[in-house]
Each structure stands twice: as structure tokens, then as C-alpha cells.
Amino acid sequence: MIVGILVMELRTSEADSLKSKRRVLKSLLDKVKARYNVSVAEVGKQDTWHFSTIGVSFVSNDSAHVHQTLTAVVRFVEDLGTVELLDVRMELL
């Protein structure tokens, strides 16, 4: 069993309150879950308006599949254009 963990640091420049930040993030997280069947949640910086830390996890029996899926998630988030991707960390266990 291979567990992939992806941590993304995001900037939501259009957010002018925590409520608007959460609206943007909820939409993003729902789209990622639906498209890639991964577990995803905001795991840090919940109380700041413009920054978020998002955690994504994926389990498979093939490390190439895990890496490919998590890389696709990163590309998808970048391509949506609703948030700015500041940092990405990926780990396979």
C-alpha cells in the first residue's frame, strides 16, 4: 500500500473576509474531490484571509499511480486560476 500526501500553500487574493475565502476554498475542494477521488481538506492557516494550507491524500497499490494523481491535482488547481499556488510538497509513504 502506497500513501501519497500533498501539501499546497495557496493564496486567495480575491478574498476580503474569512467567509469569502471559505467560499472559494469550498468550491475548489469540492471540484478536486469530485474529479480525482482524493481526500482533501484545509489543514492550516484557517484564520487568515489570503492564505491557506491544503492537504491532499491518496492511497493506491502503485506508487506511479499515486504520483501521477497528485501531480494532476496540482496542475488542476493551477489551471483553475481561482487561487495562487505558492508552494507544493509531495511525499509518498
PDB file of N, CA and C in Angstrom:
ATOM      1  N   MET A   1       0.846  -1.179   0.000  1.00  0.00           N
ATOM      2  CA  MET A   1       0.000   0.000   0.000  1.00  0.00           C
ATOM      3  C   MET A   1       0.890   1.241   0.000  1.00  0.00           C
ATOM      4  N   ILE A   2       0.592   2.153  -0.903  1.00  0.00           N
ATOM      5  CA  ILE A   2       1.325   3.408  -1.024  1.00  0.00           C
ATOM      6  C   ILE A   2       0.378   4.551  -0.659  1.00  0.00           C
ATOM      7  N   VAL A   3       0.824   5.412   0.251  1.00  0.00           N
ATOM      8  CA  VAL A   3       0.044   6.587   0.646  1.00  0.00           C
ATOM      9  C   VAL A   3       0.771   7.821   0.136  1.00  0.00           C
ATOM     10  N   GLY A   4       0.053   8.635  -0.618  1.00  0.00           N
ATOM     11  CA  GLY A   4       0.616   9.880  -1.107  1.00  0.00           C
ATOM     12  C   GLY A   4       0.037  11.051  -0.348  1.00  0.00           C
ATOM     13  N   ILE A   5       0.905  11.967   0.055  1.00  0.00           N
ATOM     14  CA  ILE A   5       0.477  13.159   0.781  1.00  0.00           C
ATOM     15  C   ILE A   5       0.959  14.377   0.002  1.00  0.00           C
ATOM     16  N   LEU A   6       0.048  15.284  -0.230  1.00  0.00           N
ATOM     17  CA  LEU A   6       0.343  16.516  -0.956  1.00  0.00           C
ATOM     18  C   LEU A   6      -0.073  17.684  -0.074  1.00  0.00           C
ATOM     19  N   VAL A   7       0.818  18.629   0.107  1.00  0.00           N
ATOM     20  CA  VAL A   7       0.519  19.839   0.873  1.00  0.00           C
ATOM     21  C   VAL A   7       0.737  21.028  -0.054  1.00  0.00           C
ATOM     22  N   MET A   8      -0.300  21.843  -0.205  1.00  0.00           N
ATOM     23  CA  MET A   8      -0.226  23.014  -1.067  1.00  0.00           C
ATOM     24  C   MET A   8      -0.462  24.273  -0.248  1.00  0.00           C
ATOM     25  N   GLU A   9       0.419  25.229  -0.421  1.00  0.00           N
ATOM     26  CA  GLU A   9       0.255  26.548   0.188  1.00  0.00           C
ATOM     27  C   GLU A   9      -0.387  27.440  -0.871  1.00  0.00           C
ATOM     28  N   LEU A  10      -1.533  28.030  -0.540  1.00  0.00           N
ATOM     29  CA  LEU A  10      -2.301  28.802  -1.503  1.00  0.00           C
ATOM     30  C   LEU A  10      -2.490  30.239  -1.044  1.00  0.00           C
ATOM     31  N   ARG A  11      -2.687  31.104  -2.011  1.00  0.00           N
ATOM     32  CA  ARG A  11      -3.034  32.496  -1.738  1.00  0.00           C
ATOM     33  C   ARG A  11      -4.343  32.795  -2.456  1.00  0.00           C
ATOM     34  N   THR A  12      -5.316  33.280  -1.704  1.00  0.00           N
ATOM     35  CA  THR A  12      -6.610  33.662  -2.268  1.00  0.00           C
ATOM     36  C   THR A  12      -6.698  35.172  -2.264  1.00  0.00           C
ATOM     37  N   SER A  13      -6.244  35.785  -3.326  1.00  0.00           N
ATOM     38  CA  SER A  13      -6.141  37.249  -3.368  1.00  0.00           C
ATOM     39  C   SER A  13      -7.496  37.934  -3.432  1.00  0.00           C
ATOM     40  N   GLU A  14      -8.506  37.269  -3.962  1.00  0.00           N
ATOM     41  CA  GLU A  14      -9.815  37.910  -4.088  1.00  0.00           C
ATOM     42  C   GLU A  14     -10.626  37.892  -2.790  1.00  0.00           C
ATOM     43  N   ALA A  15     -10.161  37.176  -1.789  1.00  0.00           N
ATOM     44  CA  ALA A  15     -10.900  37.091  -0.529  1.00  0.00           C
ATOM     45  C   ALA A  15     -10.786  38.391   0.253  1.00  0.00           C
ATOM     46  N   ASP A  16     -11.926  38.909   0.683  1.00  0.00           N
ATOM     47  CA  ASP A  16     -11.925  40.117   1.505  1.00  0.00           C
ATOM     48  C   ASP A  16     -12.450  39.843   2.912  1.00  0.00           C
ATOM     49  N   SER A  17     -12.714  38.569   3.198  1.00  0.00           N
ATOM     50  CA  SER A  17     -13.137  38.145   4.530  1.00  0.00           C
ATOM     51  C   SER A  17     -12.923  36.638   4.639  1.00  0.00           C
ATOM     52  N   LEU A  18     -13.007  36.118   5.849  1.00  0.00           N
ATOM     53  CA  LEU A  18     -12.895  34.665   6.018  1.00  0.00           C
ATOM     54  C   LEU A  18     -14.033  33.944   5.319  1.00  0.00           C
ATOM     55  N   LYS A  19     -15.201  34.556   5.317  1.00  0.00           N
ATOM     56  CA  LYS A  19     -16.361  33.941   4.662  1.00  0.00           C
ATOM     57  C   LYS A  19     -16.124  33.789   3.155  1.00  0.00           C
ATOM     58  N   SER A  20     -15.591  34.814   2.515  1.00  0.00           N
ATOM     59  CA  SER A  20     -15.346  34.716   1.075  1.00  0.00           C
ATOM     60  C   SER A  20     -14.195  33.750   0.783  1.00  0.00           C
ATOM     61  N   LYS A  21     -13.190  33.698   1.659  1.00  0.00           N
ATOM     62  CA  LYS A  21     -12.106  32.732   1.496  1.00  0.00           C
ATOM     63  C   LYS A  21     -12.656  31.311   1.562  1.00  0.00           C
ATOM     64  N   ARG A  22     -13.513  31.055   2.534  1.00  0.00           N
ATOM     65  CA  ARG A  22     -14.074  29.708   2.684  1.00  0.00           C
ATOM     66  C   ARG A  22     -14.960  29.326   1.503  1.00  0.00           C
ATOM     67  N   ARG A  23     -15.644  30.308   0.917  1.00  0.00           N
ATOM     68  CA  ARG A  23     -16.468  30.044  -0.270  1.00  0.00           C
ATOM     69  C   ARG A  23     -15.594  29.593  -1.438  1.00  0.00           C
ATOM     70  N   VAL A  24     -14.489  30.306  -1.650  1.00  0.00           N
ATOM     71  CA  VAL A  24     -13.563  29.959  -2.729  1.00  0.00           C
ATOM     72  C   VAL A  24     -12.956  28.578  -2.483  1.00  0.00           C
ATOM     73  N   LEU A  25     -12.509  28.335  -1.245  1.00  0.00           N
ATOM     74  CA  LEU A  25     -11.881  27.054  -0.927  1.00  0.00           C
ATOM     75  C   LEU A  25     -12.858  25.894  -0.998  1.00  0.00           C
ATOM     76  N   LYS A  26     -14.083  26.085  -0.537  1.00  0.00           N
ATOM     77  CA  LYS A  26     -15.066  25.006  -0.596  1.00  0.00           C
ATOM     78  C   LYS A  26     -15.307  24.578  -2.034  1.00  0.00           C
ATOM     79  N   SER A  27     -15.445  25.548  -2.917  1.00  0.00           N
ATOM     80  CA  SER A  27     -15.629  25.245  -4.332  1.00  0.00           C
ATOM     81  C   SER A  27     -14.427  24.474  -4.879  1.00  0.00           C
ATOM     82  N   LEU A  28     -13.233  24.934  -4.570  1.00  0.00           N
ATOM     83  CA  LEU A  28     -12.016  24.277  -5.037  1.00  0.00           C
ATOM     84  C   LEU A  28     -11.911  22.850  -4.507  1.00  0.00           C
ATOM     85  N   LEU A  29     -12.123  22.678  -3.204  1.00  0.00           N
ATOM     86  CA  LEU A  29     -12.003  21.351  -2.601  1.00  0.00           C
ATOM     87  C   LEU A  29     -13.046  20.394  -3.156  1.00  0.00           C
ATOM     88  N   ASP A  30     -14.271  20.866  -3.361  1.00  0.00           N
ATOM     89  CA  ASP A  30     -15.316  20.013  -3.932  1.00  0.00           C
ATOM     90  C   ASP A  30     -14.960  19.558  -5.346  1.00  0.00           C
ATOM     91  N   LYS A  31     -14.403  20.458  -6.148  1.00  0.00           N
ATOM     92  CA  LYS A  31     -14.012  20.110  -7.519  1.00  0.00           C
ATOM     93  C   LYS A  31     -12.879  19.079  -7.522  1.00  0.00           C
ATOM     94  N   VAL A  32     -11.901  19.262  -6.641  1.00  0.00           N
ATOM     95  CA  VAL A  32     -10.774  18.322  -6.570  1.00  0.00           C
ATOM     96  C   VAL A  32     -11.265  16.945  -6.129  1.00  0.00           C
ATOM     97  N   LYS A  33     -12.117  16.896  -5.109  1.00  0.00           N
ATOM     98  CA  LYS A  33     -12.661  15.613  -4.626  1.00  0.00           C
ATOM     99  C   LYS A  33     -13.425  14.888  -5.716  1.00  0.00           C
ATOM    100  N   ALA A  34     -14.285  15.612  -6.404  1.00  0.00           N
ATOM    101  CA  ALA A  34     -15.133  15.002  -7.431  1.00  0.00           C
ATOM    102  C   ALA A  34     -14.313  14.489  -8.607  1.00  0.00           C
ATOM    103  N   ARG A  35     -13.303  15.227  -8.985  1.00  0.00           N
ATOM    104  CA  ARG A  35     -12.539  14.869 -10.185  1.00  0.00           C
ATOM    105  C   ARG A  35     -11.520  13.759  -9.940  1.00  0.00           C
ATOM    106  N   TYR A  36     -10.870  13.749  -8.777  1.00  0.00           N
ATOM    107  CA  TYR A  36      -9.743  12.836  -8.547  1.00  0.00           C
ATOM    108  C   TYR A  36      -9.976  11.784  -7.463  1.00  0.00           C
ATOM    109  N   ASN A  37     -11.106  11.814  -6.778  1.00  0.00           N
ATOM    110  CA  ASN A  37     -11.420  10.828  -5.742  1.00  0.00           C
ATOM    111  C   ASN A  37     -10.303  10.753  -4.690  1.00  0.00           C
ATOM    112  N   VAL A  38      -9.907  11.909  -4.193  1.00  0.00           N
ATOM    113  CA  VAL A  38      -8.885  12.014  -3.156  1.00  0.00           C
ATOM    114  C   VAL A  38      -9.525  12.611  -1.902  1.00  0.00           C
ATOM    115  N   SER A  39      -8.821  12.490  -0.795  1.00  0.00           N
ATOM    116  CA  SER A  39      -9.238  13.178   0.424  1.00  0.00           C
ATOM    117  C   SER A  39      -8.528  14.517   0.451  1.00  0.00           C
ATOM    118  N   VAL A  40      -9.281  15.578   0.716  1.00  0.00           N
ATOM    119  CA  VAL A  40      -8.700  16.915   0.681  1.00  0.00           C
ATOM    120  C   VAL A  40      -9.365  17.781   1.739  1.00  0.00           C
ATOM    121  N   ALA A  41      -8.555  18.612   2.412  1.00  0.00           N
ATOM    122  CA  ALA A  41      -9.080  19.481   3.463  1.00  0.00           C
ATOM    123  C   ALA A  41      -8.133  20.652   3.682  1.00  0.00           C
ATOM    124  N   GLU A  42      -8.679  21.723   4.229  1.00  0.00           N
ATOM    125  CA  GLU A  42      -7.848  22.842   4.661  1.00  0.00           C
ATOM    126  C   GLU A  42      -7.227  22.434   5.995  1.00  0.00           C
ATOM    127  N   VAL A  43      -5.912  22.415   6.056  1.00  0.00           N
ATOM    128  CA  VAL A  43      -5.228  21.903   7.243  1.00  0.00           C
ATOM    129  C   VAL A  43      -4.405  22.953   7.974  1.00  0.00           C
ATOM    130  N   GLY A  44      -4.402  24.179   7.478  1.00  0.00           N
ATOM    131  CA  GLY A  44      -3.640  25.221   8.149  1.00  0.00           C
ATOM    132  C   GLY A  44      -4.039  26.602   7.666  1.00  0.00           C
ATOM    133  N   LYS A  45      -3.690  27.579   8.465  1.00  0.00           N
ATOM    134  CA  LYS A  45      -3.947  28.987   8.163  1.00  0.00           C
ATOM    135  C   LYS A  45      -5.441  29.280   7.970  1.00  0.00           C
ATOM    136  N   GLN A  46      -6.275  28.626   8.768  1.00  0.00           N
ATOM    137  CA  GLN A  46      -7.719  28.810   8.660  1.00  0.00           C
ATOM    138  C   GLN A  46      -8.172  30.213   9.031  1.00  0.00           C
ATOM    139  N   ASP A  47      -7.406  30.924   9.827  1.00  0.00           N
ATOM    140  CA  ASP A  47      -7.838  32.229  10.335  1.00  0.00           C
ATOM    141  C   ASP A  47      -7.233  33.415   9.592  1.00  0.00           C
ATOM    142  N   THR A  48      -6.573  33.169   8.474  1.00  0.00           N
ATOM    143  CA  THR A  48      -6.042  34.274   7.674  1.00  0.00           C
ATOM    144  C   THR A  48      -6.852  34.392   6.391  1.00  0.00           C
ATOM    145  N   TRP A  49      -7.076  35.607   5.957  1.00  0.00           N
ATOM    146  CA  TRP A  49      -7.934  35.847   4.801  1.00  0.00           C
ATOM    147  C   TRP A  49      -7.328  35.397   3.482  1.00  0.00           C
ATOM    148  N   HIS A  50      -6.038  35.616   3.317  1.00  0.00           N
ATOM    149  CA  HIS A  50      -5.453  35.441   1.997  1.00  0.00           C
ATOM    150  C   HIS A  50      -4.604  34.184   1.816  1.00  0.00           C
ATOM    151  N   PHE A  51      -4.381  33.417   2.869  1.00  0.00           N
ATOM    152  CA  PHE A  51      -3.506  32.258   2.747  1.00  0.00           C
ATOM    153  C   PHE A  51      -4.191  31.017   3.300  1.00  0.00           C
ATOM    154  N   SER A  52      -3.861  29.865   2.690  1.00  0.00           N
ATOM    155  CA  SER A  52      -4.419  28.583   3.115  1.00  0.00           C
ATOM    156  C   SER A  52      -3.388  27.492   2.932  1.00  0.00           C
ATOM    157  N   THR A  53      -3.486  26.484   3.766  1.00  0.00           N
ATOM    158  CA  THR A  53      -2.714  25.274   3.576  1.00  0.00           C
ATOM    159  C   THR A  53      -3.715  24.150   3.339  1.00  0.00           C
ATOM    160  N   ILE A  54      -3.561  23.487   2.205  1.00  0.00           N
ATOM    161  CA  ILE A  54      -4.477  22.417   1.809  1.00  0.00           C
ATOM    162  C   ILE A  54      -3.723  21.100   1.825  1.00  0.00           C
ATOM    163  N   GLY A  55      -4.308  20.084   2.427  1.00  0.00           N
ATOM    164  CA  GLY A  55      -3.732  18.748   2.444  1.00  0.00           C
ATOM    165  C   GLY A  55      -4.551  17.812   1.576  1.00  0.00           C
ATOM    166  N   VAL A  56      -3.853  16.995   0.800  1.00  0.00           N
ATOM    167  CA  VAL A  56      -4.495  16.021  -0.079  1.00  0.00           C
ATOM    168  C   VAL A  56      -3.832  14.674   0.187  1.00  0.00           C
ATOM    169  N   SER A  57      -4.648  13.628   0.285  1.00  0.00           N
ATOM    170  CA  SER A  57      -4.071  12.287   0.433  1.00  0.00           C
ATOM    171  C   SER A  57      -4.732  11.338  -0.564  1.00  0.00           C
ATOM    172  N   PHE A  58      -3.940  10.356  -0.973  1.00  0.00           N
ATOM    173  CA  PHE A  58      -4.400   9.371  -1.959  1.00  0.00           C
ATOM    174  C   PHE A  58      -3.709   8.050  -1.664  1.00  0.00           C
ATOM    175  N   VAL A  59      -4.458   6.955  -1.735  1.00  0.00           N
ATOM    176  CA  VAL A  59      -3.924   5.624  -1.440  1.00  0.00           C
ATOM    177  C   VAL A  59      -4.101   4.733  -2.657  1.00  0.00           C
ATOM    178  N   SER A  60      -3.051   3.973  -2.970  1.00  0.00           N
ATOM    179  CA  SER A  60      -3.098   3.030  -4.085  1.00  0.00           C
ATOM    180  C   SER A  60      -2.053   1.953  -3.837  1.00  0.00           C
ATOM    181  N   ASN A  61      -2.054   0.947  -4.670  1.00  0.00           N
ATOM    182  CA  ASN A  61      -1.034  -0.090  -4.552  1.00  0.00           C
ATOM    183  C   ASN A  61       0.119   0.144  -5.527  1.00  0.00           C
ATOM    184  N   ASP A  62       0.080   1.265  -6.266  1.00  0.00           N
ATOM    185  CA  ASP A  62       1.095   1.568  -7.272  1.00  0.00           C
ATOM    186  C   ASP A  62       1.620   2.992  -7.054  1.00  0.00           C
ATOM    187  N   SER A  63       2.896   3.122  -6.762  1.00  0.00           N
ATOM    188  CA  SER A  63       3.461   4.443  -6.478  1.00  0.00           C
ATOM    189  C   SER A  63       3.384   5.372  -7.687  1.00  0.00           C
ATOM    190  N   ALA A  64       3.507   4.835  -8.894  1.00  0.00           N
ATOM    191  CA  ALA A  64       3.401   5.675 -10.092  1.00  0.00           C
ATOM    192  C   ALA A  64       2.005   6.272 -10.214  1.00  0.00           C
ATOM    193  N   HIS A  65       1.000   5.488  -9.874  1.00  0.00           N
ATOM    194  CA  HIS A  65      -0.383   5.970  -9.921  1.00  0.00           C
ATOM    195  C   HIS A  65      -0.608   7.081  -8.897  1.00  0.00           C
ATOM    196  N   VAL A  66      -0.059   6.915  -7.711  1.00  0.00           N
ATOM    197  CA  VAL A  66      -0.183   7.927  -6.663  1.00  0.00           C
ATOM    198  C   VAL A  66       0.487   9.223  -7.109  1.00  0.00           C
ATOM    199  N   HIS A  67       1.710   9.119  -7.601  1.00  0.00           N
ATOM    200  CA  HIS A  67       2.446  10.303  -8.047  1.00  0.00           C
ATOM    201  C   HIS A  67       1.721  10.995  -9.199  1.00  0.00           C
ATOM    202  N   GLN A  68       1.236  10.223 -10.142  1.00  0.00           N
ATOM    203  CA  GLN A  68       0.518  10.772 -11.299  1.00  0.00           C
ATOM    204  C   GLN A  68      -0.749  11.501 -10.855  1.00  0.00           C
ATOM    205  N   THR A  69      -1.503  10.930  -9.937  1.00  0.00           N
ATOM    206  CA  THR A  69      -2.745  11.537  -9.471  1.00  0.00           C
ATOM    207  C   THR A  69      -2.483  12.832  -8.715  1.00  0.00           C
ATOM    208  N   LEU A  70      -1.517  12.819  -7.812  1.00  0.00           N
ATOM    209  CA  LEU A  70      -1.226  14.029  -7.039  1.00  0.00           C
ATOM    210  C   LEU A  70      -0.654  15.139  -7.929  1.00  0.00           C
ATOM    211  N   THR A  71       0.137  14.777  -8.918  1.00  0.00           N
ATOM    212  CA  THR A  71       0.646  15.760  -9.874  1.00  0.00           C
ATOM    213  C   THR A  71      -0.504  16.356 -10.683  1.00  0.00           C
ATOM    214  N   ALA A  72      -1.470  15.528 -11.052  1.00  0.00           N
ATOM    215  CA  ALA A  72      -2.645  16.013 -11.787  1.00  0.00           C
ATOM    216  C   ALA A  72      -3.471  16.980 -10.932  1.00  0.00           C
ATOM    217  N   VAL A  73      -3.550  16.717  -9.628  1.00  0.00           N
ATOM    218  CA  VAL A  73      -4.267  17.621  -8.721  1.00  0.00           C
ATOM    219  C   VAL A  73      -3.591  18.994  -8.717  1.00  0.00           C
ATOM    220  N   VAL A  74      -2.273  19.014  -8.646  1.00  0.00           N
ATOM    221  CA  VAL A  74      -1.533  20.280  -8.647  1.00  0.00           C
ATOM    222  C   VAL A  74      -1.803  21.047  -9.935  1.00  0.00           C
ATOM    223  N   ARG A  75      -1.719  20.368 -11.073  1.00  0.00           N
ATOM    224  CA  ARG A  75      -1.990  21.021 -12.368  1.00  0.00           C
ATOM    225  C   ARG A  75      -3.408  21.560 -12.432  1.00  0.00           C
ATOM    226  N   PHE A  76      -4.362  20.784 -11.915  1.00  0.00           N
ATOM    227  CA  PHE A  76      -5.759  21.183 -11.925  1.00  0.00           C
ATOM    228  C   PHE A  76      -5.965  22.464 -11.113  1.00  0.00           C
ATOM    229  N   VAL A  77      -5.377  22.521  -9.932  1.00  0.00           N
ATOM    230  CA  VAL A  77      -5.502  23.710  -9.074  1.00  0.00           C
ATOM    231  C   VAL A  77      -4.865  24.921  -9.761  1.00  0.00           C
ATOM    232  N   GLU A  78      -3.718  24.730 -10.374  1.00  0.00           N
ATOM    233  CA  GLU A  78      -3.069  25.824 -11.102  1.00  0.00           C
ATOM    234  C   GLU A  78      -3.933  26.312 -12.256  1.00  0.00           C
ATOM    235  N   ASP A  79      -4.502  25.383 -13.007  1.00  0.00           N
ATOM    236  CA  ASP A  79      -5.281  25.719 -14.198  1.00  0.00           C
ATOM    237  C   ASP A  79      -6.613  26.390 -13.875  1.00  0.00           C
ATOM    238  N   LEU A  80      -7.170  26.115 -12.697  1.00  0.00           N
ATOM    239  CA  LEU A  80      -8.439  26.748 -12.333  1.00  0.00           C
ATOM    240  C   LEU A  80      -8.294  28.261 -12.233  1.00  0.00           C
ATOM    241  N   GLY A  81      -7.181  28.727 -11.706  1.00  0.00           N
ATOM    242  CA  GLY A  81      -6.908  30.148 -11.625  1.00  0.00           C
ATOM    243  C   GLY A  81      -7.646  30.897 -10.524  1.00  0.00           C
ATOM    244  N   THR A  82      -8.333  30.195  -9.642  1.00  0.00           N
ATOM    245  CA  THR A  82      -9.047  30.869  -8.553  1.00  0.00           C
ATOM    246  C   THR A  82      -8.148  31.170  -7.371  1.00  0.00           C
ATOM    247  N   VAL A  83      -7.011  30.467  -7.279  1.00  0.00           N
ATOM    248  CA  VAL A  83      -6.043  30.677  -6.210  1.00  0.00           C
ATOM    249  C   VAL A  83      -4.640  30.684  -6.816  1.00  0.00           C
ATOM    250  N   GLU A  84      -3.715  31.268  -6.080  1.00  0.00           N
ATOM    251  CA  GLU A  84      -2.317  31.272  -6.497  1.00  0.00           C
ATOM    252  C   GLU A  84      -1.576  30.197  -5.703  1.00  0.00           C
ATOM    253  N   LEU A  85      -0.887  29.330  -6.387  1.00  0.00           N
ATOM    254  CA  LEU A  85      -0.142  28.253  -5.754  1.00  0.00           C
ATOM    255  C   LEU A  85       1.236  28.779  -5.361  1.00  0.00           C
ATOM    256  N   LEU A  86       1.521  28.824  -4.054  1.00  0.00           N
ATOM    257  CA  LEU A  86       2.782  29.363  -3.562  1.00  0.00           C
ATOM    258  C   LEU A  86       3.843  28.300  -3.345  1.00  0.00           C
ATOM    259  N   ASP A  87       3.430  27.117  -2.864  1.00  0.00           N
ATOM    260  CA  ASP A  87       4.375  26.060  -2.547  1.00  0.00           C
ATOM    261  C   ASP A  87       3.676  24.720  -2.630  1.00  0.00           C
ATOM    262  N   VAL A  88       4.424  23.692  -3.028  1.00  0.00           N
ATOM    263  CA  VAL A  88       3.885  22.333  -3.130  1.00  0.00           C
ATOM    264  C   VAL A  88       4.897  21.376  -2.525  1.00  0.00           C
ATOM    265  N   ARG A  89       4.425  20.496  -1.655  1.00  0.00           N
ATOM    266  CA  ARG A  89       5.256  19.435  -1.103  1.00  0.00           C
ATOM    267  C   ARG A  89       4.516  18.122  -1.274  1.00  0.00           C
ATOM    268  N   MET A  90       5.218  17.132  -1.799  1.00  0.00           N
ATOM    269  CA  MET A  90       4.628  15.817  -2.035  1.00  0.00           C
ATOM    270  C   MET A  90       5.499  14.755  -1.383  1.00  0.00           C
ATOM    271  N   GLU A  91       4.847  13.783  -0.768  1.00  0.00           N
ATOM    272  CA  GLU A  91       5.569  12.689  -0.120  1.00  0.00           C
ATOM    273  C   GLU A  91       4.814  11.400  -0.340  1.00  0.00           C
ATOM    274  N   LEU A  92       5.564  10.341  -0.636  1.00  0.00           N
ATOM    275  CA  LEU A  92       4.989   9.001  -0.779  1.00  0.00           C
ATOM    276  C   LEU A  92       5.487   8.138   0.367  1.00  0.00           C
ATOM    277  N   LEU A  93       4.557   7.487   1.045  1.00  0.00           N
ATOM    278  CA  LEU A  93       4.916   6.636   2.189  1.00  0.00           C
ATOM    279  C   LEU A  93       4.636   5.186   1.846  1.00  0.00           C
TER     280      LEU A  93
END
